[in-house]
C-alpha atoms as a PDB file:
ATOM      1  CA  UNK A   1     -16.627   5.438  -6.583  1.00  0.00           C
ATOM      2  CA  UNK A   2     -20.439   4.015  -6.525  1.00  0.00           C
ATOM      3  CA  UNK A   3     -20.918   3.972  -3.425  1.00  0.00           C
ATOM      4  CA  UNK A   4     -23.387   1.572  -2.495  1.00  0.00           C
ATOM      5  CA  UNK A   5     -21.520  -0.803  -4.396  1.00  0.00           C
ATOM      6  CA  UNK A   6     -19.727  -0.847  -0.839  1.00  0.00           C
ATOM      7  CA  UNK A   7     -23.568  -1.667   0.279  1.00  0.00           C
ATOM      8  CA  UNK A   8     -23.886  -4.499  -1.851  1.00  0.00           C
ATOM      9  CA  UNK A   9     -23.116  -8.589  -0.665  1.00  0.00           C
ATOM     10  CA  UNK A  10     -19.984  -9.357  -1.626  1.00  0.00           C
ATOM     11  CA  UNK A  11     -18.662 -13.059  -1.306  1.00  0.00           C
ATOM     12  CA  UNK A  12     -15.229 -12.924   0.322  1.00  0.00           C
ATOM     13  CA  UNK A  13     -12.441 -14.629  -2.212  1.00  0.00           C
ATOM     14  CA  UNK A  14     -11.024 -17.771  -0.641  1.00  0.00           C
ATOM     15  CA  UNK A  15      -6.984 -17.505  -0.440  1.00  0.00           C
ATOM     16  CA  UNK A  16      -4.572 -18.365  -2.235  1.00  0.00           C
ATOM     17  CA  UNK A  17      -1.898 -18.003  -4.563  1.00  0.00           C
ATOM     18  CA  UNK A  18      -1.402 -14.262  -4.008  1.00  0.00           C
ATOM     19  CA  UNK A  19      -0.741 -13.821  -7.751  1.00  0.00           C
ATOM     20  CA  UNK A  20      -4.491 -15.779  -8.235  1.00  0.00           C
ATOM     21  CA  UNK A  21      -5.725 -14.015  -5.594  1.00  0.00           C
ATOM     22  CA  UNK A  22      -5.561 -10.752  -7.221  1.00  0.00           C
ATOM     23  CA  UNK A  23      -6.847 -11.969 -10.385  1.00  0.00           C
ATOM     24  CA  UNK A  24     -10.093 -13.658  -8.866  1.00  0.00           C
ATOM     25  CA  UNK A  25     -10.414  -9.613  -7.209  1.00  0.00           C
ATOM     26  CA  UNK A  26     -10.217  -7.889 -11.426  1.00  0.00           C
ATOM     27  CA  UNK A  27     -12.271 -10.205 -12.228  1.00  0.00           C
ATOM     28  CA  UNK A  28     -14.989  -9.758  -9.403  1.00  0.00           C
ATOM     29  CA  UNK A  29     -14.587  -6.318 -10.022  1.00  0.00           C
ATOM     30  CA  UNK A  30     -13.470  -5.058 -13.824  1.00  0.00           C
ATOM     31  CA  UNK A  31     -13.993  -1.618 -14.005  1.00  0.00           C
ATOM     32  CA  UNK A  32     -13.118  -0.512 -10.319  1.00  0.00           C
ATOM     33  CA  UNK A  33     -10.219   2.305 -10.288  1.00  0.00           C
ATOM     34  CA  UNK A  34      -7.254   2.646  -7.259  1.00  0.00           C
ATOM     35  CA  UNK A  35      -9.430   3.587  -4.801  1.00  0.00           C
ATOM     36  CA  UNK A  36     -12.246   1.790  -5.000  1.00  0.00           C
ATOM     37  CA  UNK A  37      -9.820  -1.453  -5.942  1.00  0.00           C
ATOM     38  CA  UNK A  38      -8.513  -0.949  -3.064  1.00  0.00           C
ATOM     39  CA  UNK A  39     -12.219  -0.167  -0.756  1.00  0.00           C
ATOM     40  CA  UNK A  40     -14.204  -3.420  -2.522  1.00  0.00           C
ATOM     41  CA  UNK A  41     -10.872  -5.838  -2.257  1.00  0.00           C
ATOM     42  CA  UNK A  42     -11.170  -4.632   1.373  1.00  0.00           C
ATOM     43  CA  UNK A  43     -14.781  -5.823   1.728  1.00  0.00           C
ATOM     44  CA  UNK A  44     -13.560  -9.215  -0.587  1.00  0.00           C
ATOM     45  CA  UNK A  45     -10.371  -9.895   1.318  1.00  0.00           C
ATOM     46  CA  UNK A  46     -10.231 -13.011   4.552  1.00  0.00           C
ATOM     47  CA  UNK A  47      -7.893 -11.912   6.065  1.00  0.00           C
ATOM     48  CA  UNK A  48      -6.427  -8.088   7.291  1.00  0.00           C
ATOM     49  CA  UNK A  49      -3.524  -9.234   5.397  1.00  0.00           C
ATOM     50  CA  UNK A  50      -4.929  -9.541   1.677  1.00  0.00           C
ATOM     51  CA  UNK A  51      -6.358  -6.880   2.225  1.00  0.00           C
ATOM     52  CA  UNK A  52      -4.263  -4.920   2.670  1.00  0.00           C
ATOM     53  CA  UNK A  53      -3.200  -5.939  -0.737  1.00  0.00           C
ATOM     54  CA  UNK A  54      -5.740  -4.775  -2.081  1.00  0.00           C
ATOM     55  CA  UNK A  55      -4.821  -1.059  -0.880  1.00  0.00           C
ATOM     56  CA  UNK A  56      -0.916  -1.937  -2.306  1.00  0.00           C
ATOM     57  CA  UNK A  57      -1.829  -3.254  -5.325  1.00  0.00           C
ATOM     58  CA  UNK A  58      -4.329   0.172  -6.142  1.00  0.00           C
ATOM     59  CA  UNK A  59      -0.753   2.625  -4.390  1.00  0.00           C
ATOM     60  CA  UNK A  60       0.320   1.471  -7.210  1.00  0.00           C
ATOM     61  CA  UNK A  61      -1.470   1.883  -9.891  1.00  0.00           C
ATOM     62  CA  UNK A  62      -1.749   5.893  -8.632  1.00  0.00           C
ATOM     63  CA  UNK A  63       1.942   5.767  -9.270  1.00  0.00           C
ATOM     64  CA  UNK A  64       2.214   3.682 -12.089  1.00  0.00           C
ATOM     65  CA  UNK A  65      -1.667   4.649 -14.496  1.00  0.00           C
ATOM     66  CA  UNK A  66      -0.545   2.342 -17.066  1.00  0.00           C
ATOM     67  CA  UNK A  67       1.032  -1.139 -14.739  1.00  0.00           C
ATOM     68  CA  UNK A  68      -0.087  -3.955 -16.452  1.00  0.00           C
ATOM     69  CA  UNK A  69      -3.577  -6.413 -14.364  1.00  0.00           C
ATOM     70  CA  UNK A  70      -1.180  -8.926 -12.782  1.00  0.00           C
ATOM     71  CA  UNK A  71      -0.092  -9.028  -9.505  1.00  0.00           C
ATOM     72  CA  UNK A  72       2.750  -5.940  -9.362  1.00  0.00           C
ATOM     73  CA  UNK A  73       5.381  -4.463  -7.022  1.00  0.00           C
ATOM     74  CA  UNK A  74       7.807  -1.476  -6.074  1.00  0.00           C
ATOM     75  CA  UNK A  75      11.237  -2.004  -4.367  1.00  0.00           C
ATOM     76  CA  UNK A  76      12.597   0.634  -2.997  1.00  0.00           C
ATOM     77  CA  UNK A  77      14.275  -0.689  -0.415  1.00  0.00           C
ATOM     78  CA  UNK A  78      17.522  -1.088   0.876  1.00  0.00           C
ATOM     79  CA  UNK A  79      19.134  -0.986   4.215  1.00  0.00           C
ATOM     80  CA  UNK A  80      15.602  -0.102   5.451  1.00  0.00           C
ATOM     81  CA  UNK A  81      16.006   3.173   4.205  1.00  0.00           C
ATOM     82  CA  UNK A  82      14.397   4.629   1.228  1.00  0.00           C
ATOM     83  CA  UNK A  83      16.687   7.570   0.642  1.00  0.00           C
ATOM     84  CA  UNK A  84      18.734   8.037  -2.412  1.00  0.00           C
ATOM     85  CA  UNK A  85      21.971   8.710  -0.616  1.00  0.00           C
ATOM     86  CA  UNK A  86      20.780   5.193   1.277  1.00  0.00           C
ATOM     87  CA  UNK A  87      20.997   3.453  -2.058  1.00  0.00           C
ATOM     88  CA  UNK A  88      23.563   1.843  -4.322  1.00  0.00           C
ATOM     89  CA  UNK A  89      21.311   0.064  -6.793  1.00  0.00           C
ATOM     90  CA  UNK A  90      22.874   1.761 -10.028  1.00  0.00           C
ATOM     91  CA  UNK A  91      20.473   1.986 -13.837  1.00  0.00           C
ATOM     92  CA  UNK A  92      23.135   2.873 -16.960  1.00  0.00           C
ATOM     93  CA  UNK A  93      21.596   2.295 -19.901  1.00  0.00           C
ATOM     94  CA  UNK A  94      18.588   0.641 -19.729  1.00  0.00           C
ATOM     95  CA  UNK A  95      20.203  -1.365 -17.336  1.00  0.00           C
ATOM     96  CA  UNK A  96      19.930  -2.615 -14.049  1.00  0.00           C
ATOM     97  CA  UNK A  97      22.225  -3.559 -11.143  1.00  0.00           C
ATOM     98  CA  UNK A  98      22.784  -4.050  -7.367  1.00  0.00           C
ATOM     99  CA  UNK A  99      20.063  -5.572  -4.929  1.00  0.00           C
ATOM    100  CA  UNK A 100      16.629  -4.568  -2.796  1.00  0.00           C
ATOM    101  CA  UNK A 101      15.992  -6.028   0.763  1.00  0.00           C
ATOM    102  CA  UNK A 102      12.498  -6.372   2.042  1.00  0.00           C
ATOM    103  CA  UNK A 103       9.794  -5.430  -0.015  1.00  0.00           C
ATOM    104  CA  UNK A 104       5.910  -6.406   0.086  1.00  0.00           C
ATOM    105  CA  UNK A 105       5.046  -9.731  -2.213  1.00  0.00           C
ATOM    106  CA  UNK A 106       7.971  -8.832  -3.956  1.00  0.00           C
ATOM    107  CA  UNK A 107       8.077 -13.155  -4.929  1.00  0.00           C
ATOM    108  CA  UNK A 108       4.152 -13.046  -6.387  1.00  0.00           C
ATOM    109  CA  UNK A 109       4.590  -9.362  -7.849  1.00  0.00           C
ATOM    110  CA  UNK A 110       4.694  -9.929 -12.473  1.00  0.00           C
ATOM    111  CA  UNK A 111       5.798  -7.000 -12.643  1.00  0.00           C
ATOM    112  CA  UNK A 112       8.550  -4.650 -10.929  1.00  0.00           C
ATOM    113  CA  UNK A 113       8.911  -0.915 -10.065  1.00  0.00           C
ATOM    114  CA  UNK A 114      12.931  -0.268  -9.347  1.00  0.00           C
ATOM    115  CA  UNK A 115      13.874   2.954  -7.856  1.00  0.00           C
ATOM    116  CA  UNK A 116      17.961   3.106  -8.948  1.00  0.00           C
ATOM    117  CA  UNK A 117      20.320   5.845  -9.139  1.00  0.00           C
ATOM    118  CA  UNK A 118      21.767   7.667 -12.168  1.00  0.00           C
ATOM    119  CA  UNK A 119      23.329  10.409 -11.650  1.00  0.00           C
ATOM    120  CA  UNK A 120      26.848  11.073 -12.755  1.00  0.00           C
ATOM    121  CA  UNK A 121      29.934  10.670 -11.084  1.00  0.00           C
ATOM    122  CA  UNK A 122      30.029  14.198  -7.953  1.00  0.00           C
ATOM    123  CA  UNK A 123      26.867  14.347  -8.801  1.00  0.00           C
ATOM    124  CA  UNK A 124      24.168  14.690  -6.505  1.00  0.00           C
ATOM    125  CA  UNK A 125      22.376  10.986  -5.866  1.00  0.00           C
ATOM    126  CA  UNK A 126      18.736  10.355  -8.231  1.00  0.00           C
ATOM    127  CA  UNK A 127      16.506   9.086  -9.081  1.00  0.00           C
ATOM    128  CA  UNK A 128      15.300   7.119 -12.016  1.00  0.00           C
ATOM    129  CA  UNK A 129      12.344   4.153 -11.663  1.00  0.00           C
ATOM    130  CA  UNK A 130      12.430   1.149 -13.512  1.00  0.00           C
ATOM    131  CA  UNK A 131      10.307  -1.554 -14.888  1.00  0.00           C
ATOM    132  CA  UNK A 132      11.412  -4.662 -14.837  1.00  0.00           C
ATOM    133  CA  UNK A 133       9.157  -8.204 -16.256  1.00  0.00           C
ATOM    134  CA  UNK A 134       9.498 -11.349 -14.589  1.00  0.00           C
ATOM    135  CA  UNK A 135      11.735 -13.864 -16.544  1.00  0.00           C
ATOM    136  CA  UNK A 136      13.959 -11.018 -17.315  1.00  0.00           C
ATOM    137  CA  UNK A 137      17.336 -12.492 -17.444  1.00  0.00           C
ATOM    138  CA  UNK A 138      19.740 -10.312 -14.904  1.00  0.00           C
ATOM    139  CA  UNK A 139      17.449 -10.330 -11.987  1.00  0.00           C
ATOM    140  CA  UNK A 140      16.881 -13.292  -9.275  1.00  0.00           C
ATOM    141  CA  UNK A 141      14.181 -13.280  -6.622  1.00  0.00           C
ATOM    142  CA  UNK A 142      14.293 -14.429  -2.749  1.00  0.00           C
ATOM    143  CA  UNK A 143      11.378 -15.006  -1.090  1.00  0.00           C
ATOM    144  CA  UNK A 144      12.203 -14.642   2.837  1.00  0.00           C
ATOM    145  CA  UNK A 145      10.771 -16.606   5.894  1.00  0.00           C
ATOM    146  CA  UNK A 146       6.856 -15.449   6.439  1.00  0.00           C
ATOM    147  CA  UNK A 147       6.877 -13.326   9.544  1.00  0.00           C
ATOM    148  CA  UNK A 148       3.875 -13.090  12.518  1.00  0.00           C
ATOM    149  CA  UNK A 149       2.432  -9.583  10.491  1.00  0.00           C
ATOM    150  CA  UNK A 150      -0.147 -11.095   7.799  1.00  0.00           C
ATOM    151  CA  UNK A 151       2.008 -14.035   7.172  1.00  0.00           C
ATOM    152  CA  UNK A 152      -0.048 -15.337   4.060  1.00  0.00           C
ATOM    153  CA  UNK A 153       0.836 -11.930   2.146  1.00  0.00           C
ATOM    154  CA  UNK A 154       5.313 -12.884   1.360  1.00  0.00           C
ATOM    155  CA  UNK A 155       7.917 -10.933   1.759  1.00  0.00           C
ATOM    156  CA  UNK A 156      11.456 -11.479  -0.429  1.00  0.00           C
ATOM    157  CA  UNK A 157      14.830  -9.559  -1.968  1.00  0.00           C
ATOM    158  CA  UNK A 158      15.952  -8.567  -5.181  1.00  0.00           C
ATOM    159  CA  UNK A 159      19.223  -9.137  -6.814  1.00  0.00           C
ATOM    160  CA  UNK A 160      20.283  -7.511 -10.177  1.00  0.00           C
ATOM    161  CA  UNK A 161      23.249  -8.299 -12.287  1.00  0.00           C
ATOM    162  CA  UNK A 162      22.938  -6.333 -16.461  1.00  0.00           C
ATOM    163  CA  UNK A 163      18.741  -6.728 -16.158  1.00  0.00           C
ATOM    164  CA  UNK A 164      17.253  -5.377 -19.058  1.00  0.00           C
ATOM    165  CA  UNK A 165      15.190  -2.901 -18.375  1.00  0.00           C
ATOM    166  CA  UNK A 166      12.944   0.563 -19.698  1.00  0.00           C
ATOM    167  CA  UNK A 167      12.906   3.168 -17.682  1.00  0.00           C
ATOM    168  CA  UNK A 168       9.685   4.951 -17.053  1.00  0.00           C
ATOM    169  CA  UNK A 169       9.813   9.307 -17.793  1.00  0.00           C
ATOM    170  CA  UNK A 170       9.858  11.973 -14.673  1.00  0.00           C
ATOM    171  CA  UNK A 171      12.262  11.103 -11.192  1.00  0.00           C
ATOM    172  CA  UNK A 172      11.916   8.646  -9.944  1.00  0.00           C
ATOM    173  CA  UNK A 173      12.275   9.873  -5.926  1.00  0.00           C
ATOM    174  CA  UNK A 174       9.838  13.391  -6.371  1.00  0.00           C
ATOM    175  CA  UNK A 175       7.684  11.670  -9.483  1.00  0.00           C
ATOM    176  CA  UNK A 176       7.004   8.608  -7.722  1.00  0.00           C
ATOM    177  CA  UNK A 177       8.799   7.058  -4.639  1.00  0.00           C
ATOM    178  CA  UNK A 178       8.123   9.756  -1.753  1.00  0.00           C
ATOM    179  CA  UNK A 179       3.935  10.739  -3.168  1.00  0.00           C
ATOM    180  CA  UNK A 180       3.606   6.527  -3.239  1.00  0.00           C
ATOM    181  CA  UNK A 181       4.636   6.454   1.079  1.00  0.00           C
ATOM    182  CA  UNK A 182       1.087   8.827   1.443  1.00  0.00           C
ATOM    183  CA  UNK A 183      -0.001   6.596  -1.207  1.00  0.00           C
ATOM    184  CA  UNK A 184       0.302   3.528  -0.110  1.00  0.00           C
ATOM    185  CA  UNK A 185      -0.999   4.200   3.225  1.00  0.00           C
ATOM    186  CA  UNK A 186      -4.108   6.458   2.680  1.00  0.00           C
ATOM    187  CA  UNK A 187      -4.859   3.414   0.190  1.00  0.00           C
ATOM    188  CA  UNK A 188      -4.293   0.081   3.195  1.00  0.00           C
ATOM    189  CA  UNK A 189      -6.473   2.520   4.986  1.00  0.00           C
ATOM    190  CA  UNK A 190      -9.488   2.144   3.192  1.00  0.00           C
ATOM    191  CA  UNK A 191      -8.299  -0.763   2.253  1.00  0.00           C
ATOM    192  CA  UNK A 192      -8.861  -1.932   6.104  1.00  0.00           C
ATOM    193  CA  UNK A 193     -11.461   0.170   7.012  1.00  0.00           C
ATOM    194  CA  UNK A 194     -12.920  -1.506   3.762  1.00  0.00           C
ATOM    195  CA  UNK A 195     -12.397  -4.857   5.934  1.00  0.00           C
ATOM    196  CA  UNK A 196     -13.854  -3.966   9.041  1.00  0.00           C
ATOM    197  CA  UNK A 197     -16.996  -1.938   7.650  1.00  0.00           C
ATOM    198  CA  UNK A 198     -17.507  -5.774   5.870  1.00  0.00           C
ATOM    199  CA  UNK A 199     -17.127  -7.557   8.886  1.00  0.00           C
ATOM    200  CA  UNK A 200     -19.746  -4.818  10.591  1.00  0.00           C
ATOM    201  CA  UNK A 201     -22.355  -6.088   8.088  1.00  0.00           C
ATOM    202  CA  UNK A 202     -21.668  -9.365   8.327  1.00  0.00           C
ATOM    203  CA  UNK A 203     -21.566  -9.578  12.180  1.00  0.00           C
ATOM    204  CA  UNK A 204     -24.401  -7.130  12.376  1.00  0.00           C
ATOM    205  CA  UNK A 205     -22.113  -4.363  14.439  1.00  0.00           C
ATOM    206  CA  UNK A 206     -23.824  -1.632  15.878  1.00  0.00           C
ATOM    207  CA  UNK A 207     -25.377   0.434  13.963  1.00  0.00           C
ATOM    208  CA  UNK A 208     -23.362   4.304  15.497  1.00  0.00           C
ATOM    209  CA  UNK A 209     -19.830   2.353  14.249  1.00  0.00           C
ATOM    210  CA  UNK A 210     -21.009   0.824  10.950  1.00  0.00           C
ATOM    211  CA  UNK A 211     -21.464   4.585   9.883  1.00  0.00           C
ATOM    212  CA  UNK A 212     -18.528   5.810  11.855  1.00  0.00           C
ATOM    213  CA  UNK A 213     -16.832   3.750   9.062  1.00  0.00           C
ATOM    214  CA  UNK A 214     -18.958   4.529   6.423  1.00  0.00           C
ATOM    215  CA  UNK A 215     -17.722   7.953   7.413  1.00  0.00           C
ATOM    216  CA  UNK A 216     -14.151   7.119   7.328  1.00  0.00           C
ATOM    217  CA  UNK A 217     -14.338   4.901   3.896  1.00  0.00           C
ATOM    218  CA  UNK A 218     -15.105   8.344   2.663  1.00  0.00           C
ATOM    219  CA  UNK A 219     -12.989  11.278   4.018  1.00  0.00           C
ATOM    220  CA  UNK A 220     -10.898   8.792   2.340  1.00  0.00           C
ATOM    221  CA  UNK A 221     -12.421   9.162  -1.113  1.00  0.00           C
ATOM    222  CA  UNK A 222     -11.755  12.476  -0.603  1.00  0.00           C
ATOM    223  CA  UNK A 223      -7.897  12.460   0.370  1.00  0.00           C
ATOM    224  CA  UNK A 224      -8.086  10.685  -2.686  1.00  0.00           C
ATOM    225  CA  UNK A 225      -8.666  13.384  -4.610  1.00  0.00           C
ATOM    226  CA  UNK A 226      -5.805  15.233  -3.742  1.00  0.00           C
ATOM    227  CA  UNK A 227      -2.633  15.858  -4.707  1.00  0.00           C
ATOM    228  CA  UNK A 228      -0.190  13.224  -2.256  1.00  0.00           C
ATOM    229  CA  UNK A 229       2.654  15.645  -2.661  1.00  0.00           C
ATOM    230  CA  UNK A 230       0.689  18.439  -0.919  1.00  0.00           C
ATOM    231  CA  UNK A 231       0.987  20.160   2.092  1.00  0.00           C
ATOM    232  CA  UNK A 232      -2.732  20.017   3.750  1.00  0.00           C
ATOM    233  CA  UNK A 233      -2.687  16.033   1.975  1.00  0.00           C
ATOM    234  CA  UNK A 234      -0.132  15.506   4.843  1.00  0.00           C
ATOM    235  CA  UNK A 235      -2.515  17.123   7.205  1.00  0.00           C
ATOM    236  CA  UNK A 236      -5.676  15.606   6.135  1.00  0.00           C
ATOM    237  CA  UNK A 237      -4.237  12.113   5.865  1.00  0.00           C
ATOM    238  CA  UNK A 238      -3.215  12.184   9.725  1.00  0.00           C
ATOM    239  CA  UNK A 239      -6.661  13.379  10.080  1.00  0.00           C
ATOM    240  CA  UNK A 240      -7.355   9.826   9.001  1.00  0.00           C
ATOM    241  CA  UNK A 241      -5.251   8.061  10.706  1.00  0.00           C
ATOM    242  CA  UNK A 242      -6.326   9.519  14.110  1.00  0.00           C
ATOM    243  CA  UNK A 243     -10.261   8.659  13.194  1.00  0.00           C
ATOM    244  CA  UNK A 244      -9.740   5.318  13.301  1.00  0.00           C
ATOM    245  CA  UNK A 245      -7.481   5.501  16.221  1.00  0.00           C
ATOM    246  CA  UNK A 246     -10.299   6.715  17.842  1.00  0.00           C
ATOM    247  CA  UNK A 247     -12.212   3.766  16.263  1.00  0.00           C
ATOM    248  CA  UNK A 248     -10.423   1.236  18.760  1.00  0.00           C
ATOM    249  CA  UNK A 249     -11.823   0.593  21.451  1.00  0.00           C
ATOM    250  CA  UNK A 250     -15.717   0.310  19.861  1.00  0.00           C
ATOM    251  CA  UNK A 251     -13.750  -1.929  17.213  1.00  0.00           C
ATOM    252  CA  UNK A 252     -11.873  -4.394  19.461  1.00  0.00           C
ATOM    253  CA  UNK A 253     -15.276  -4.646  21.237  1.00  0.00           C
ATOM    254  CA  UNK A 254     -17.012  -5.426  18.191  1.00  0.00           C
ATOM    255  CA  UNK A 255     -14.787  -8.225  17.408  1.00  0.00           C
ATOM    256  CA  UNK A 256     -14.758  -9.594  20.833  1.00  0.00           C
ATOM    257  CA  UNK A 257     -18.723  -9.809  20.656  1.00  0.00           C
ATOM    258  CA  UNK A 258     -18.221 -12.031  17.777  1.00  0.00           C
ATOM    259  CA  UNK A 259     -16.499 -15.395  15.793  1.00  0.00           C
ATOM    260  CA  UNK A 260     -12.958 -14.799  18.070  1.00  0.00           C
ATOM    261  CA  UNK A 261     -11.427 -15.642  14.298  1.00  0.00           C
ATOM    262  CA  UNK A 262     -11.908 -12.317  12.953  1.00  0.00           C
ATOM    263  CA  UNK A 263     -11.059 -10.405  16.502  1.00  0.00           C
ATOM    264  CA  UNK A 264      -7.571 -13.512  15.887  1.00  0.00           C
ATOM    265  CA  UNK A 265      -7.192 -12.368  12.614  1.00  0.00           C
ATOM    266  CA  UNK A 266      -7.502  -8.591  13.438  1.00  0.00           C
ATOM    267  CA  UNK A 267      -5.194  -9.099  16.925  1.00  0.00           C
ATOM    268  CA  UNK A 268      -2.514 -10.899  15.065  1.00  0.00           C
ATOM    269  CA  UNK A 269      -2.736  -8.195  11.976  1.00  0.00           C
ATOM    270  CA  UNK A 270      -3.873  -4.769  13.688  1.00  0.00           C
ATOM    271  CA  UNK A 271      -0.259  -3.406  13.640  1.00  0.00           C
ATOM    272  CA  UNK A 272      -0.226  -2.880   9.802  1.00  0.00           C
ATOM    273  CA  UNK A 273      -2.032  -0.035  10.291  1.00  0.00           C
ATOM    274  CA  UNK A 274       1.283   2.019  12.622  1.00  0.00           C
ATOM    275  CA  UNK A 275       3.689   0.698   9.745  1.00  0.00           C
ATOM    276  CA  UNK A 276       5.924   4.190   8.809  1.00  0.00           C
ATOM    277  CA  UNK A 277       3.910   5.749  11.359  1.00  0.00           C
ATOM    278  CA  UNK A 278       7.231   7.576  12.451  1.00  0.00           C
ATOM    279  CA  UNK A 279       7.806   8.955   8.899  1.00  0.00           C
ATOM    280  CA  UNK A 280       4.590  10.032   8.424  1.00  0.00           C
ATOM    281  CA  UNK A 281       4.733  12.102  11.884  1.00  0.00           C
ATOM    282  CA  UNK A 282       7.493  13.620  10.041  1.00  0.00           C
ATOM    283  CA  UNK A 283       5.088  14.768   6.966  1.00  0.00           C
ATOM    284  CA  UNK A 284       2.590  15.272   9.326  1.00  0.00           C
ATOM    285  CA  UNK A 285       5.408  18.266  11.452  1.00  0.00           C
ATOM    286  CA  UNK A 286       6.712  20.001   8.014  1.00  0.00           C
ATOM    287  CA  UNK A 287       3.206  19.840   6.710  1.00  0.00           C
ATOM    288  CA  UNK A 288       2.015  21.697   9.076  1.00  0.00           C
ATOM    289  CA  UNK A 289       4.946  24.486   9.044  1.00  0.00           C
ATOM    290  CA  UNK A 290       4.461  24.696   5.575  1.00  0.00           C
ATOM    291  CA  UNK A 291       0.920  25.477   6.481  1.00  0.00           C
ATOM    292  CA  UNK A 292       2.293  28.099   9.340  1.00  0.00           C
ATOM    293  CA  UNK A 293      -0.202  25.876  11.491  1.00  0.00           C
ATOM    294  CA  UNK A 294       1.013  24.800  15.194  1.00  0.00           C
ATOM    295  CA  UNK A 295       1.274  21.421  16.700  1.00  0.00           C
ATOM    296  CA  UNK A 296       0.130  20.983  19.952  1.00  0.00           C
ATOM    297  CA  UNK A 297       2.249  18.485  22.386  1.00  0.00           C
END
């Protein structure tokens, strides 16, 4: 990305309906690729939750480069699991049946990527990834109650009854759902780090902290260039999260010295960086083993 854009003054986009907020972000950054969208979205976000949304939408566009410009969502989770064997949603021909329990921004999404099983009876679980558009007969989205973490970004469940869809090419698990885990982690980390960087410039945080945040963002940019399925990518991503964790005390000190509003927002939403931490740790362990490296205790 052109890094000078990160240093240019950029007004924060006002909060509002998520679809409208994202449309405003695209209007402000019309030529941005996914990584740049995550970073510039983080800089323009009024809350960590909206920064998360920018990273999430950027990640969707990495996994599906032909995604429409409107707000989207990936529906995979069933019974708190994304393992193919734990899913019951099925794709038969070009019709979907089943349910998905919980997805970020699902109630505001204009298009949906839905993971569904498609193997024949007696075969091992096999996933496809299907595309649904808002208003298609046969599906219903139910908004879920707001939670304390980023309450401005809603969550929803999905009910499917012979919903007509399109099927994306390739294997749904290896080509989309599995790599999306790391792609999302990276782009959300970049967006939230950009949110901190924007506060650092706005509130006059120490230059050393500003430079370390900028260094973290440049590291994110390099990892974004790597294959999300490669073992080394999981190791590099773990290094980025460790780098962010090392900034925690200084971030808290800087936030405490500035306007209380920003500190309160981060106190509320800082757990966004721990989401899927257990899964990341398992991927790191496997990656280190694959590379013949030992993991310190």
